[in-house]
Amino acid sequence: MHLIVDGYVKTPDILWDEAFLYQLLDSYPAQIGMSKISEPFVVRYEGGEAEDRGISGFVFIAESHISVHTFAERGYVNIDVFSCRDFDVERAIKDIQDKFQLIKLRSYLVNRNWEVAPVKPTPEK
């Protein structure tokens, strides 16, 4: 499952808060039944165009990853929760809305369950 949430925040200051994002990425995997396998990685970006500035964070989970990209000048955030295992999507959307104080959001769910037969190697010629 790949949950994508795009949203606008009530308080843009949260989109510059590296400690908030680190703590979220550190604790949230367990809250949705996932297993964190790395420390969160959070970086600040202040170069380029003003509308592109913000922070980004990423955490590896055993099931895949969670990533966040903020565009602080626009009050905009992109969040991905990508997992090879099912999770409560409605809860995750509500959690994200609450934690980021989103006043407007769009969400998309991509189901990655695709039963594929194992690939057999072709004989060398």
PDB file of N, CA and C in Angstrom:
ATOM      1  N   MET A   1       0.842  -1.175   0.000  1.00  0.00           N
ATOM      2  CA  MET A   1       0.000   0.000   0.000  1.00  0.00           C
ATOM      3  C   MET A   1       0.888   1.238   0.000  1.00  0.00           C
ATOM      4  N   HIS A   2       0.462   2.217  -0.745  1.00  0.00           N
ATOM      5  CA  HIS A   2       1.195   3.482  -0.795  1.00  0.00           C
ATOM      6  C   HIS A   2       0.182   4.600  -0.603  1.00  0.00           C
ATOM      7  N   LEU A   3       0.191   5.190   0.589  1.00  0.00           N
ATOM      8  CA  LEU A   3      -0.690   6.307   0.905  1.00  0.00           C
ATOM      9  C   LEU A   3       0.063   7.600   0.630  1.00  0.00           C
ATOM     10  N   ILE A   4      -0.551   8.455  -0.154  1.00  0.00           N
ATOM     11  CA  ILE A   4       0.009   9.752  -0.490  1.00  0.00           C
ATOM     12  C   ILE A   4      -0.954  10.810   0.046  1.00  0.00           C
ATOM     13  N   VAL A   5      -0.435  11.733   0.841  1.00  0.00           N
ATOM     14  CA  VAL A   5      -1.254  12.824   1.374  1.00  0.00           C
ATOM     15  C   VAL A   5      -0.575  14.141   1.017  1.00  0.00           C
ATOM     16  N   ASP A   6      -1.315  15.020   0.366  1.00  0.00           N
ATOM     17  CA  ASP A   6      -0.876  16.378   0.071  1.00  0.00           C
ATOM     18  C   ASP A   6      -1.790  17.311   0.840  1.00  0.00           C
ATOM     19  N   GLY A   7      -1.231  18.320   1.510  1.00  0.00           N
ATOM     20  CA  GLY A   7      -2.100  19.191   2.275  1.00  0.00           C
ATOM     21  C   GLY A   7      -1.530  20.559   2.550  1.00  0.00           C
ATOM     22  N   TYR A   8      -2.439  21.438   2.931  1.00  0.00           N
ATOM     23  CA  TYR A   8      -2.098  22.792   3.356  1.00  0.00           C
ATOM     24  C   TYR A   8      -2.312  22.891   4.857  1.00  0.00           C
ATOM     25  N   VAL A   9      -1.379  23.531   5.536  1.00  0.00           N
ATOM     26  CA  VAL A   9      -1.407  23.592   6.996  1.00  0.00           C
ATOM     27  C   VAL A   9      -2.030  24.885   7.501  1.00  0.00           C
ATOM     28  N   LYS A  10      -2.536  24.797   8.713  1.00  0.00           N
ATOM     29  CA  LYS A  10      -3.098  25.969   9.384  1.00  0.00           C
ATOM     30  C   LYS A  10      -1.976  26.893   9.860  1.00  0.00           C
ATOM     31  N   THR A  11      -0.884  26.291  10.349  1.00  0.00           N
ATOM     32  CA  THR A  11       0.228  27.044  10.920  1.00  0.00           C
ATOM     33  C   THR A  11       1.522  26.683  10.175  1.00  0.00           C
ATOM     34  N   PRO A  12       1.949  27.509   9.207  1.00  0.00           N
ATOM     35  CA  PRO A  12       3.143  27.173   8.415  1.00  0.00           C
ATOM     36  C   PRO A  12       4.427  27.000   9.219  1.00  0.00           C
ATOM     37  N   ASP A  13       4.511  27.568  10.435  1.00  0.00           N
ATOM     38  CA  ASP A  13       5.731  27.410  11.238  1.00  0.00           C
ATOM     39  C   ASP A  13       6.073  25.944  11.485  1.00  0.00           C
ATOM     40  N   ILE A  14       5.061  25.085  11.543  1.00  0.00           N
ATOM     41  CA  ILE A  14       5.300  23.657  11.785  1.00  0.00           C
ATOM     42  C   ILE A  14       6.138  23.044  10.659  1.00  0.00           C
ATOM     43  N   LEU A  15       6.082  23.668   9.489  1.00  0.00           N
ATOM     44  CA  LEU A  15       6.799  23.134   8.332  1.00  0.00           C
ATOM     45  C   LEU A  15       8.290  23.456   8.350  1.00  0.00           C
ATOM     46  N   TRP A  16       8.735  24.228   9.343  1.00  0.00           N
ATOM     47  CA  TRP A  16      10.156  24.490   9.555  1.00  0.00           C
ATOM     48  C   TRP A  16      10.672  23.762  10.789  1.00  0.00           C
ATOM     49  N   ASP A  17       9.817  23.047  11.485  1.00  0.00           N
ATOM     50  CA  ASP A  17      10.161  22.465  12.783  1.00  0.00           C
ATOM     51  C   ASP A  17      10.814  21.087  12.614  1.00  0.00           C
ATOM     52  N   GLU A  18      12.144  21.099  12.575  1.00  0.00           N
ATOM     53  CA  GLU A  18      12.895  19.854  12.371  1.00  0.00           C
ATOM     54  C   GLU A  18      12.714  18.885  13.533  1.00  0.00           C
ATOM     55  N   ALA A  19      12.641  19.389  14.748  1.00  0.00           N
ATOM     56  CA  ALA A  19      12.457  18.520  15.914  1.00  0.00           C
ATOM     57  C   ALA A  19      11.093  17.833  15.857  1.00  0.00           C
ATOM     58  N   PHE A  20      10.060  18.572  15.471  1.00  0.00           N
ATOM     59  CA  PHE A  20       8.723  17.988  15.319  1.00  0.00           C
ATOM     60  C   PHE A  20       8.750  16.860  14.298  1.00  0.00           C
ATOM     61  N   LEU A  21       9.351  17.125  13.140  1.00  0.00           N
ATOM     62  CA  LEU A  21       9.367  16.113  12.076  1.00  0.00           C
ATOM     63  C   LEU A  21      10.187  14.898  12.503  1.00  0.00           C
ATOM     64  N   TYR A  22      11.326  15.123  13.142  1.00  0.00           N
ATOM     65  CA  TYR A  22      12.136  14.005  13.621  1.00  0.00           C
ATOM     66  C   TYR A  22      11.328  13.138  14.598  1.00  0.00           C
ATOM     67  N   GLN A  23      10.697  13.772  15.569  1.00  0.00           N
ATOM     68  CA  GLN A  23       9.916  13.037  16.564  1.00  0.00           C
ATOM     69  C   GLN A  23       8.770  12.270  15.911  1.00  0.00           C
ATOM     70  N   LEU A  24       8.105  12.898  14.948  1.00  0.00           N
ATOM     71  CA  LEU A  24       7.013  12.225  14.239  1.00  0.00           C
ATOM     72  C   LEU A  24       7.521  10.970  13.533  1.00  0.00           C
ATOM     73  N   LEU A  25       8.604  11.112  12.778  1.00  0.00           N
ATOM     74  CA  LEU A  25       9.147   9.964  12.045  1.00  0.00           C
ATOM     75  C   LEU A  25       9.720   8.904  12.981  1.00  0.00           C
ATOM     76  N   ASP A  26      10.166   9.312  14.139  1.00  0.00           N
ATOM     77  CA  ASP A  26      10.714   8.380  15.115  1.00  0.00           C
ATOM     78  C   ASP A  26       9.623   7.544  15.782  1.00  0.00           C
ATOM     79  N   SER A  27       8.479   8.155  16.064  1.00  0.00           N
ATOM     80  CA  SER A  27       7.434   7.463  16.830  1.00  0.00           C
ATOM     81  C   SER A  27       6.284   6.919  15.993  1.00  0.00           C
ATOM     82  N   TYR A  28       6.030   7.504  14.842  1.00  0.00           N
ATOM     83  CA  TYR A  28       4.816   7.139  14.106  1.00  0.00           C
ATOM     84  C   TYR A  28       4.796   5.708  13.556  1.00  0.00           C
ATOM     85  N   PRO A  29       5.895   5.164  13.073  1.00  0.00           N
ATOM     86  CA  PRO A  29       5.806   3.781  12.563  1.00  0.00           C
ATOM     87  C   PRO A  29       5.171   2.817  13.566  1.00  0.00           C
ATOM     88  N   ALA A  30       5.562   2.876  14.808  1.00  0.00           N
ATOM     89  CA  ALA A  30       4.994   1.973  15.821  1.00  0.00           C
ATOM     90  C   ALA A  30       3.502   2.218  16.026  1.00  0.00           C
ATOM     91  N   GLN A  31       3.071   3.461  15.868  1.00  0.00           N
ATOM     92  CA  GLN A  31       1.662   3.792  16.060  1.00  0.00           C
ATOM     93  C   GLN A  31       0.762   3.155  15.011  1.00  0.00           C
ATOM     94  N   ILE A  32       1.324   2.817  13.854  1.00  0.00           N
ATOM     95  CA  ILE A  32       0.516   2.149  12.816  1.00  0.00           C
ATOM     96  C   ILE A  32       0.969   0.703  12.589  1.00  0.00           C
ATOM     97  N   GLY A  33       1.671   0.150  13.576  1.00  0.00           N
ATOM     98  CA  GLY A  33       2.045  -1.262  13.528  1.00  0.00           C
ATOM     99  C   GLY A  33       3.210  -1.585  12.626  1.00  0.00           C
ATOM    100  N   MET A  34       4.054  -0.607  12.342  1.00  0.00           N
ATOM    101  CA  MET A  34       5.217  -0.823  11.495  1.00  0.00           C
ATOM    102  C   MET A  34       6.479  -0.884  12.354  1.00  0.00           C
ATOM    103  N   SER A  35       7.549  -1.395  11.766  1.00  0.00           N
ATOM    104  CA  SER A  35       8.813  -1.575  12.486  1.00  0.00           C
ATOM    105  C   SER A  35       9.875  -0.653  11.919  1.00  0.00           C
ATOM    106  N   LYS A  36      10.265   0.347  12.694  1.00  0.00           N
ATOM    107  CA  LYS A  36      11.310   1.285  12.288  1.00  0.00           C
ATOM    108  C   LYS A  36      12.646   0.536  12.267  1.00  0.00           C
ATOM    109  N   ILE A  37      13.408   0.690  11.181  1.00  0.00           N
ATOM    110  CA  ILE A  37      14.704   0.013  11.081  1.00  0.00           C
ATOM    111  C   ILE A  37      15.861   0.991  10.894  1.00  0.00           C
ATOM    112  N   SER A  38      15.570   2.282  10.964  1.00  0.00           N
ATOM    113  CA  SER A  38      16.626   3.288  10.910  1.00  0.00           C
ATOM    114  C   SER A  38      16.201   4.481  11.754  1.00  0.00           C
ATOM    115  N   GLU A  39      17.172   5.280  12.089  1.00  0.00           N
ATOM    116  CA  GLU A  39      16.847   6.557  12.710  1.00  0.00           C
ATOM    117  C   GLU A  39      16.282   7.465  11.619  1.00  0.00           C
ATOM    118  N   PRO A  40      15.385   8.372  11.971  1.00  0.00           N
ATOM    119  CA  PRO A  40      14.894   9.320  10.959  1.00  0.00           C
ATOM    120  C   PRO A  40      16.029  10.205  10.458  1.00  0.00           C
ATOM    121  N   PHE A  41      15.898  10.630   9.237  1.00  0.00           N
ATOM    122  CA  PHE A  41      16.845  11.544   8.611  1.00  0.00           C
ATOM    123  C   PHE A  41      16.052  12.787   8.212  1.00  0.00           C
ATOM    124  N   VAL A  42      16.419  13.941   8.743  1.00  0.00           N
ATOM    125  CA  VAL A  42      15.707  15.194   8.468  1.00  0.00           C
ATOM    126  C   VAL A  42      16.714  16.233   7.988  1.00  0.00           C
ATOM    127  N   VAL A  43      16.394  16.899   6.882  1.00  0.00           N
ATOM    128  CA  VAL A  43      17.259  17.942   6.335  1.00  0.00           C
ATOM    129  C   VAL A  43      16.447  19.200   6.051  1.00  0.00           C
ATOM    130  N   ARG A  44      17.120  20.323   6.175  1.00  0.00           N
ATOM    131  CA  ARG A  44      16.525  21.632   5.893  1.00  0.00           C
ATOM    132  C   ARG A  44      17.021  22.074   4.521  1.00  0.00           C
ATOM    133  N   TYR A  45      16.120  22.624   3.723  1.00  0.00           N
ATOM    134  CA  TYR A  45      16.500  23.152   2.413  1.00  0.00           C
ATOM    135  C   TYR A  45      16.105  24.623   2.344  1.00  0.00           C
ATOM    136  N   GLU A  46      17.108  25.487   2.190  1.00  0.00           N
ATOM    137  CA  GLU A  46      16.831  26.920   2.127  1.00  0.00           C
ATOM    138  C   GLU A  46      17.399  27.555   0.860  1.00  0.00           C
ATOM    139  N   GLY A  47      17.793  26.748  -0.108  1.00  0.00           N
ATOM    140  CA  GLY A  47      18.329  27.280  -1.356  1.00  0.00           C
ATOM    141  C   GLY A  47      17.233  27.441  -2.395  1.00  0.00           C
ATOM    142  N   GLY A  48      17.637  27.766  -3.601  1.00  0.00           N
ATOM    143  CA  GLY A  48      16.705  27.817  -4.717  1.00  0.00           C
ATOM    144  C   GLY A  48      15.602  28.847  -4.547  1.00  0.00           C
ATOM    145  N   GLU A  49      14.473  28.563  -5.146  1.00  0.00           N
ATOM    146  CA  GLU A  49      13.306  29.437  -5.105  1.00  0.00           C
ATOM    147  C   GLU A  49      12.653  29.390  -3.729  1.00  0.00           C
ATOM    148  N   ALA A  50      12.139  30.512  -3.273  1.00  0.00           N
ATOM    149  CA  ALA A  50      11.525  30.594  -1.942  1.00  0.00           C
ATOM    150  C   ALA A  50      10.406  29.576  -1.768  1.00  0.00           C
ATOM    151  N   GLU A  51       9.610  29.345  -2.796  1.00  0.00           N
ATOM    152  CA  GLU A  51       8.469  28.425  -2.656  1.00  0.00           C
ATOM    153  C   GLU A  51       8.890  26.961  -2.523  1.00  0.00           C
ATOM    154  N   ASP A  52      10.165  26.668  -2.763  1.00  0.00           N
ATOM    155  CA  ASP A  52      10.660  25.300  -2.626  1.00  0.00           C
ATOM    156  C   ASP A  52      11.321  25.034  -1.273  1.00  0.00           C
ATOM    157  N   ARG A  53      11.463  26.032  -0.432  1.00  0.00           N
ATOM    158  CA  ARG A  53      12.181  25.892   0.835  1.00  0.00           C
ATOM    159  C   ARG A  53      11.335  25.193   1.889  1.00  0.00           C
ATOM    160  N   GLY A  54      12.021  24.423   2.709  1.00  0.00           N
ATOM    161  CA  GLY A  54      11.343  23.696   3.774  1.00  0.00           C
ATOM    162  C   GLY A  54      12.248  22.631   4.339  1.00  0.00           C
ATOM    163  N   ILE A  55      11.646  21.604   4.886  1.00  0.00           N
ATOM    164  CA  ILE A  55      12.404  20.469   5.420  1.00  0.00           C
ATOM    165  C   ILE A  55      11.856  19.185   4.817  1.00  0.00           C
ATOM    166  N   SER A  56      12.699  18.194   4.784  1.00  0.00           N
ATOM    167  CA  SER A  56      12.297  16.870   4.322  1.00  0.00           C
ATOM    168  C   SER A  56      12.790  15.847   5.330  1.00  0.00           C
ATOM    169  N   GLY A  57      12.015  14.790   5.498  1.00  0.00           N
ATOM    170  CA  GLY A  57      12.398  13.733   6.414  1.00  0.00           C
ATOM    171  C   GLY A  57      12.029  12.383   5.861  1.00  0.00           C
ATOM    172  N   PHE A  58      12.772  11.387   6.326  1.00  0.00           N
ATOM    173  CA  PHE A  58      12.614  10.029   5.802  1.00  0.00           C
ATOM    174  C   PHE A  58      12.956   9.051   6.912  1.00  0.00           C
ATOM    175  N   VAL A  59      12.206   7.969   7.011  1.00  0.00           N
ATOM    176  CA  VAL A  59      12.567   6.892   7.915  1.00  0.00           C
ATOM    177  C   VAL A  59      12.310   5.564   7.198  1.00  0.00           C
ATOM    178  N   PHE A  60      13.287   4.669   7.294  1.00  0.00           N
ATOM    179  CA  PHE A  60      13.104   3.320   6.765  1.00  0.00           C
ATOM    180  C   PHE A  60      12.306   2.516   7.774  1.00  0.00           C
ATOM    181  N   ILE A  61      11.344   1.772   7.286  1.00  0.00           N
ATOM    182  CA  ILE A  61      10.616   0.809   8.106  1.00  0.00           C
ATOM    183  C   ILE A  61      10.806  -0.555   7.457  1.00  0.00           C
ATOM    184  N   ALA A  62      10.669  -1.615   8.228  1.00  0.00           N
ATOM    185  CA  ALA A  62      10.857  -2.959   7.679  1.00  0.00           C
ATOM    186  C   ALA A  62       9.917  -3.179   6.493  1.00  0.00           C
ATOM    187  N   GLU A  63       8.787  -2.505   6.534  1.00  0.00           N
ATOM    188  CA  GLU A  63       7.773  -2.677   5.497  1.00  0.00           C
ATOM    189  C   GLU A  63       8.003  -1.749   4.307  1.00  0.00           C
ATOM    190  N   SER A  64       8.863  -0.756   4.386  1.00  0.00           N
ATOM    191  CA  SER A  64       9.291   0.135   3.308  1.00  0.00           C
ATOM    192  C   SER A  64       9.775   1.467   3.858  1.00  0.00           C
ATOM    193  N   HIS A  65       8.939   2.555   3.793  1.00  0.00           N
ATOM    194  CA  HIS A  65       9.402   3.851   4.292  1.00  0.00           C
ATOM    195  C   HIS A  65       8.247   4.829   4.517  1.00  0.00           C
ATOM    196  N   ILE A  66       8.560   5.885   5.250  1.00  0.00           N
ATOM    197  CA  ILE A  66       7.665   7.026   5.410  1.00  0.00           C
ATOM    198  C   ILE A  66       8.502   8.256   5.080  1.00  0.00           C
ATOM    199  N   SER A  67       7.969   9.139   4.233  1.00  0.00           N
ATOM    200  CA  SER A  67       8.694  10.356   3.885  1.00  0.00           C
ATOM    201  C   SER A  67       7.777  11.565   3.967  1.00  0.00           C
ATOM    202  N   VAL A  68       8.394  12.713   4.266  1.00  0.00           N
ATOM    203  CA  VAL A  68       7.672  13.983   4.386  1.00  0.00           C
ATOM    204  C   VAL A  68       8.505  15.059   3.704  1.00  0.00           C
ATOM    205  N   HIS A  69       7.860  15.881   2.886  1.00  0.00           N
ATOM    206  CA  HIS A  69       8.510  17.022   2.249  1.00  0.00           C
ATOM    207  C   HIS A  69       7.642  18.243   2.497  1.00  0.00           C
ATOM    208  N   THR A  70       8.224  19.281   3.102  1.00  0.00           N
ATOM    209  CA  THR A  70       7.456  20.491   3.367  1.00  0.00           C
ATOM    210  C   THR A  70       7.888  21.611   2.426  1.00  0.00           C
ATOM    211  N   PHE A  71       6.940  22.443   2.100  1.00  0.00           N
ATOM    212  CA  PHE A  71       7.161  23.639   1.298  1.00  0.00           C
ATOM    213  C   PHE A  71       6.621  24.786   2.149  1.00  0.00           C
ATOM    214  N   ALA A  72       7.464  25.239   3.075  1.00  0.00           N
ATOM    215  CA  ALA A  72       7.031  26.125   4.153  1.00  0.00           C
ATOM    216  C   ALA A  72       6.458  27.448   3.652  1.00  0.00           C
ATOM    217  N   GLU A  73       7.050  28.013   2.629  1.00  0.00           N
ATOM    218  CA  GLU A  73       6.572  29.301   2.117  1.00  0.00           C
ATOM    219  C   GLU A  73       5.159  29.194   1.551  1.00  0.00           C
ATOM    220  N   ARG A  74       4.799  28.019   1.073  1.00  0.00           N
ATOM    221  CA  ARG A  74       3.457  27.788   0.523  1.00  0.00           C
ATOM    222  C   ARG A  74       2.501  27.195   1.547  1.00  0.00           C
ATOM    223  N   GLY A  75       3.020  26.803   2.722  1.00  0.00           N
ATOM    224  CA  GLY A  75       2.175  26.160   3.731  1.00  0.00           C
ATOM    225  C   GLY A  75       1.700  24.785   3.285  1.00  0.00           C
ATOM    226  N   TYR A  76       2.557  24.100   2.515  1.00  0.00           N
ATOM    227  CA  TYR A  76       2.180  22.864   1.824  1.00  0.00           C
ATOM    228  C   TYR A  76       3.080  21.723   2.259  1.00  0.00           C
ATOM    229  N   VAL A  77       2.526  20.513   2.339  1.00  0.00           N
ATOM    230  CA  VAL A  77       3.293  19.339   2.738  1.00  0.00           C
ATOM    231  C   VAL A  77       2.878  18.134   1.891  1.00  0.00           C
ATOM    232  N   ASN A  78       3.865  17.287   1.570  1.00  0.00           N
ATOM    233  CA  ASN A  78       3.643  15.991   0.892  1.00  0.00           C
ATOM    234  C   ASN A  78       4.102  14.898   1.832  1.00  0.00           C
ATOM    235  N   ILE A  79       3.267  13.875   2.016  1.00  0.00           N
ATOM    236  CA  ILE A  79       3.602  12.778   2.916  1.00  0.00           C
ATOM    237  C   ILE A  79       3.320  11.463   2.200  1.00  0.00           C
ATOM    238  N   ASP A  80       4.263  10.533   2.309  1.00  0.00           N
ATOM    239  CA  ASP A  80       4.101   9.186   1.758  1.00  0.00           C
ATOM    240  C   ASP A  80       4.267   8.172   2.867  1.00  0.00           C
ATOM    241  N   VAL A  81       3.325   7.262   2.963  1.00  0.00           N
ATOM    242  CA  VAL A  81       3.451   6.101   3.849  1.00  0.00           C
ATOM    243  C   VAL A  81       3.388   4.906   2.906  1.00  0.00           C
ATOM    244  N   PHE A  82       4.523   4.260   2.737  1.00  0.00           N
ATOM    245  CA  PHE A  82       4.654   3.183   1.761  1.00  0.00           C
ATOM    246  C   PHE A  82       4.956   1.899   2.520  1.00  0.00           C
ATOM    247  N   SER A  83       4.098   0.894   2.350  1.00  0.00           N
ATOM    248  CA  SER A  83       4.247  -0.343   3.106  1.00  0.00           C
ATOM    249  C   SER A  83       3.847  -1.545   2.262  1.00  0.00           C
ATOM    250  N   CYS A  84       4.597  -2.620   2.404  1.00  0.00           N
ATOM    251  CA  CYS A  84       4.239  -3.865   1.739  1.00  0.00           C
ATOM    252  C   CYS A  84       3.181  -4.620   2.549  1.00  0.00           C
ATOM    253  N   ARG A  85       2.804  -4.058   3.692  1.00  0.00           N
ATOM    254  CA  ARG A  85       1.786  -4.670   4.543  1.00  0.00           C
ATOM    255  C   ARG A  85       0.642  -3.680   4.725  1.00  0.00           C
ATOM    256  N   ASP A  86      -0.570  -4.201   4.828  1.00  0.00           N
ATOM    257  CA  ASP A  86      -1.736  -3.346   5.027  1.00  0.00           C
ATOM    258  C   ASP A  86      -1.644  -2.599   6.355  1.00  0.00           C
ATOM    259  N   PHE A  87      -2.230  -1.418   6.387  1.00  0.00           N
ATOM    260  CA  PHE A  87      -2.347  -0.627   7.611  1.00  0.00           C
ATOM    261  C   PHE A  87      -3.664   0.130   7.534  1.00  0.00           C
ATOM    262  N   ASP A  88      -4.075   0.723   8.636  1.00  0.00           N
ATOM    263  CA  ASP A  88      -5.347   1.437   8.711  1.00  0.00           C
ATOM    264  C   ASP A  88      -5.192   2.799   8.029  1.00  0.00           C
ATOM    265  N   VAL A  89      -5.595   2.863   6.790  1.00  0.00           N
ATOM    266  CA  VAL A  89      -5.424   4.056   5.975  1.00  0.00           C
ATOM    267  C   VAL A  89      -6.228   5.228   6.533  1.00  0.00           C
ATOM    268  N   GLU A  90      -7.461   4.995   6.922  1.00  0.00           N
ATOM    269  CA  GLU A  90      -8.296   6.081   7.448  1.00  0.00           C
ATOM    270  C   GLU A  90      -7.681   6.673   8.714  1.00  0.00           C
ATOM    271  N   ARG A  91      -7.152   5.813   9.575  1.00  0.00           N
ATOM    272  CA  ARG A  91      -6.484   6.300  10.792  1.00  0.00           C
ATOM    273  C   ARG A  91      -5.256   7.121  10.425  1.00  0.00           C
ATOM    274  N   ALA A  92      -4.473   6.634   9.458  1.00  0.00           N
ATOM    275  CA  ALA A  92      -3.260   7.350   9.064  1.00  0.00           C
ATOM    276  C   ALA A  92      -3.607   8.731   8.506  1.00  0.00           C
ATOM    277  N   ILE A  93      -4.638   8.823   7.691  1.00  0.00           N
ATOM    278  CA  ILE A  93      -5.052  10.126   7.146  1.00  0.00           C
ATOM    279  C   ILE A  93      -5.468  11.057   8.279  1.00  0.00           C
ATOM    280  N   LYS A  94      -6.255  10.554   9.224  1.00  0.00           N
ATOM    281  CA  LYS A  94      -6.706  11.365  10.364  1.00  0.00           C
ATOM    282  C   LYS A  94      -5.509  11.802  11.213  1.00  0.00           C
ATOM    283  N   ASP A  95      -4.592  10.871  11.474  1.00  0.00           N
ATOM    284  CA  ASP A  95      -3.391  11.210  12.243  1.00  0.00           C
ATOM    285  C   ASP A  95      -2.599  12.322  11.566  1.00  0.00           C
ATOM    286  N   ILE A  96      -2.382  12.181  10.273  1.00  0.00           N
ATOM    287  CA  ILE A  96      -1.615  13.174   9.514  1.00  0.00           C
ATOM    288  C   ILE A  96      -2.330  14.519   9.548  1.00  0.00           C
ATOM    289  N   GLN A  97      -3.634  14.501   9.358  1.00  0.00           N
ATOM    290  CA  GLN A  97      -4.402  15.746   9.388  1.00  0.00           C
ATOM    291  C   GLN A  97      -4.263  16.434  10.744  1.00  0.00           C
ATOM    292  N   ASP A  98      -4.361  15.661  11.811  1.00  0.00           N
ATOM    293  CA  ASP A  98      -4.254  16.222  13.159  1.00  0.00           C
ATOM    294  C   ASP A  98      -2.841  16.712  13.473  1.00  0.00           C
ATOM    295  N   LYS A  99      -1.841  15.889  13.182  1.00  0.00           N
ATOM    296  CA  LYS A  99      -0.464  16.220  13.552  1.00  0.00           C
ATOM    297  C   LYS A  99       0.054  17.452  12.799  1.00  0.00           C
ATOM    298  N   PHE A 100      -0.327  17.588  11.531  1.00  0.00           N
ATOM    299  CA  PHE A 100       0.130  18.722  10.733  1.00  0.00           C
ATOM    300  C   PHE A 100      -0.874  19.876  10.709  1.00  0.00           C
ATOM    301  N   GLN A 101      -2.008  19.718  11.397  1.00  0.00           N
ATOM    302  CA  GLN A 101      -3.058  20.734  11.434  1.00  0.00           C
ATOM    303  C   GLN A 101      -3.455  21.139  10.011  1.00  0.00           C
ATOM    304  N   LEU A 102      -3.777  20.120   9.199  1.00  0.00           N
ATOM    305  CA  LEU A 102      -4.132  20.380   7.806  1.00  0.00           C
ATOM    306  C   LEU A 102      -5.528  20.986   7.718  1.00  0.00           C
ATOM    307  N   ILE A 103      -5.639  22.036   6.916  1.00  0.00           N
ATOM    308  CA  ILE A 103      -6.947  22.658   6.694  1.00  0.00           C
ATOM    309  C   ILE A 103      -7.529  22.245   5.352  1.00  0.00           C
ATOM    310  N   LYS A 104      -6.687  21.676   4.505  1.00  0.00           N
ATOM    311  CA  LYS A 104      -7.127  21.169   3.206  1.00  0.00           C
ATOM    312  C   LYS A 104      -6.191  20.024   2.847  1.00  0.00           C
ATOM    313  N   LEU A 105      -6.749  18.912   2.359  1.00  0.00           N
ATOM    314  CA  LEU A 105      -5.888  17.793   1.981  1.00  0.00           C
ATOM    315  C   LEU A 105      -6.502  16.977   0.861  1.00  0.00           C
ATOM    316  N   ARG A 106      -5.617  16.290   0.165  1.00  0.00           N
ATOM    317  CA  ARG A 106      -5.989  15.273  -0.823  1.00  0.00           C
ATOM    318  C   ARG A 106      -5.211  14.030  -0.447  1.00  0.00           C
ATOM    319  N   SER A 107      -5.848  12.887  -0.622  1.00  0.00           N
ATOM    320  CA  SER A 107      -5.127  11.642  -0.362  1.00  0.00           C
ATOM    321  C   SER A 107      -5.372  10.679  -1.511  1.00  0.00           C
ATOM    322  N   TYR A 108      -4.386   9.847  -1.731  1.00  0.00           N
ATOM    323  CA  TYR A 108      -4.428   8.844  -2.782  1.00  0.00           C
ATOM    324  C   TYR A 108      -3.916   7.542  -2.182  1.00  0.00           C
ATOM    325  N   LEU A 109      -4.501   6.452  -2.592  1.00  0.00           N
ATOM    326  CA  LEU A 109      -4.032   5.151  -2.142  1.00  0.00           C
ATOM    327  C   LEU A 109      -3.724   4.304  -3.363  1.00  0.00           C
ATOM    328  N   VAL A 110      -2.503   3.859  -3.430  1.00  0.00           N
ATOM    329  CA  VAL A 110      -2.071   2.980  -4.512  1.00  0.00           C
ATOM    330  C   VAL A 110      -1.904   1.599  -3.905  1.00  0.00           C
ATOM    331  N   ASN A 111      -2.652   0.656  -4.397  1.00  0.00           N
ATOM    332  CA  ASN A 111      -2.549  -0.710  -3.909  1.00  0.00           C
ATOM    333  C   ASN A 111      -1.479  -1.418  -4.721  1.00  0.00           C
ATOM    334  N   ARG A 112      -0.437  -1.860  -4.064  1.00  0.00           N
ATOM    335  CA  ARG A 112       0.696  -2.471  -4.756  1.00  0.00           C
ATOM    336  C   ARG A 112       0.620  -3.995  -4.764  1.00  0.00           C
ATOM    337  N   ASN A 113      -0.507  -4.567  -4.349  1.00  0.00           N
ATOM    338  CA  ASN A 113      -0.640  -6.026  -4.386  1.00  0.00           C
ATOM    339  C   ASN A 113      -0.822  -6.468  -5.829  1.00  0.00           C
ATOM    340  N   TRP A 114       0.190  -7.087  -6.328  1.00  0.00           N
ATOM    341  CA  TRP A 114       0.142  -7.577  -7.696  1.00  0.00           C
ATOM    342  C   TRP A 114       0.763  -8.955  -7.683  1.00  0.00           C
ATOM    343  N   GLU A 115      -0.071  -9.953  -7.824  1.00  0.00           N
ATOM    344  CA  GLU A 115       0.418 -11.326  -7.801  1.00  0.00           C
ATOM    345  C   GLU A 115       1.215 -11.579  -9.076  1.00  0.00           C
ATOM    346  N   VAL A 116       2.472 -11.820  -8.890  1.00  0.00           N
ATOM    347  CA  VAL A 116       3.361 -12.027 -10.022  1.00  0.00           C
ATOM    348  C   VAL A 116       4.043 -13.371  -9.869  1.00  0.00           C
ATOM    349  N   ALA A 117       4.048 -14.127 -10.951  1.00  0.00           N
ATOM    350  CA  ALA A 117       4.755 -15.404 -10.934  1.00  0.00           C
ATOM    351  C   ALA A 117       6.254 -15.123 -10.873  1.00  0.00           C
ATOM    352  N   PRO A 118       7.003 -15.964 -10.178  1.00  0.00           N
ATOM    353  CA  PRO A 118       8.456 -15.761 -10.130  1.00  0.00           C
ATOM    354  C   PRO A 118       9.047 -15.747 -11.544  1.00  0.00           C
ATOM    355  N   VAL A 119      10.012 -14.916 -11.731  1.00  0.00           N
ATOM    356  CA  VAL A 119      10.677 -14.829 -13.037  1.00  0.00           C
ATOM    357  C   VAL A 119      11.681 -15.967 -13.122  1.00  0.00           C
ATOM    358  N   LYS A 120      11.593 -16.687 -14.230  1.00  0.00           N
ATOM    359  CA  LYS A 120      12.525 -17.782 -14.457  1.00  0.00           C
ATOM    360  C   LYS A 120      13.658 -17.269 -15.327  1.00  0.00           C
ATOM    361  N   PRO A 121      14.872 -17.525 -14.932  1.00  0.00           N
ATOM    362  CA  PRO A 121      15.989 -17.068 -15.771  1.00  0.00           C
ATOM    363  C   PRO A 121      15.948 -17.735 -17.140  1.00  0.00           C
ATOM    364  N   THR A 122      16.298 -16.971 -18.146  1.00  0.00           N
ATOM    365  CA  THR A 122      16.366 -17.531 -19.495  1.00  0.00           C
ATOM    366  C   THR A 122      17.721 -18.183 -19.673  1.00  0.00           C
ATOM    367  N   PRO A 123      17.735 -19.323 -20.332  1.00  0.00           N
ATOM    368  CA  PRO A 123      19.033 -20.001 -20.536  1.00  0.00           C
ATOM    369  C   PRO A 123      19.958 -19.162 -21.392  1.00  0.00           C
ATOM    370  N   GLU A 124      21.236 -19.200 -21.034  1.00  0.00           N
ATOM    371  CA  GLU A 124      22.213 -18.465 -21.839  1.00  0.00           C
ATOM    372  C   GLU A 124      22.419 -19.187 -23.144  1.00  0.00           C
ATOM    373  N   LYS A 125      22.685 -18.416 -24.171  1.00  0.00           N
ATOM    374  CA  LYS A 125      22.903 -19.002 -25.508  1.00  0.00           C
ATOM    375  C   LYS A 125      24.351 -19.163 -25.786  1.00  0.00           C
TER     376      LYS A 125
END
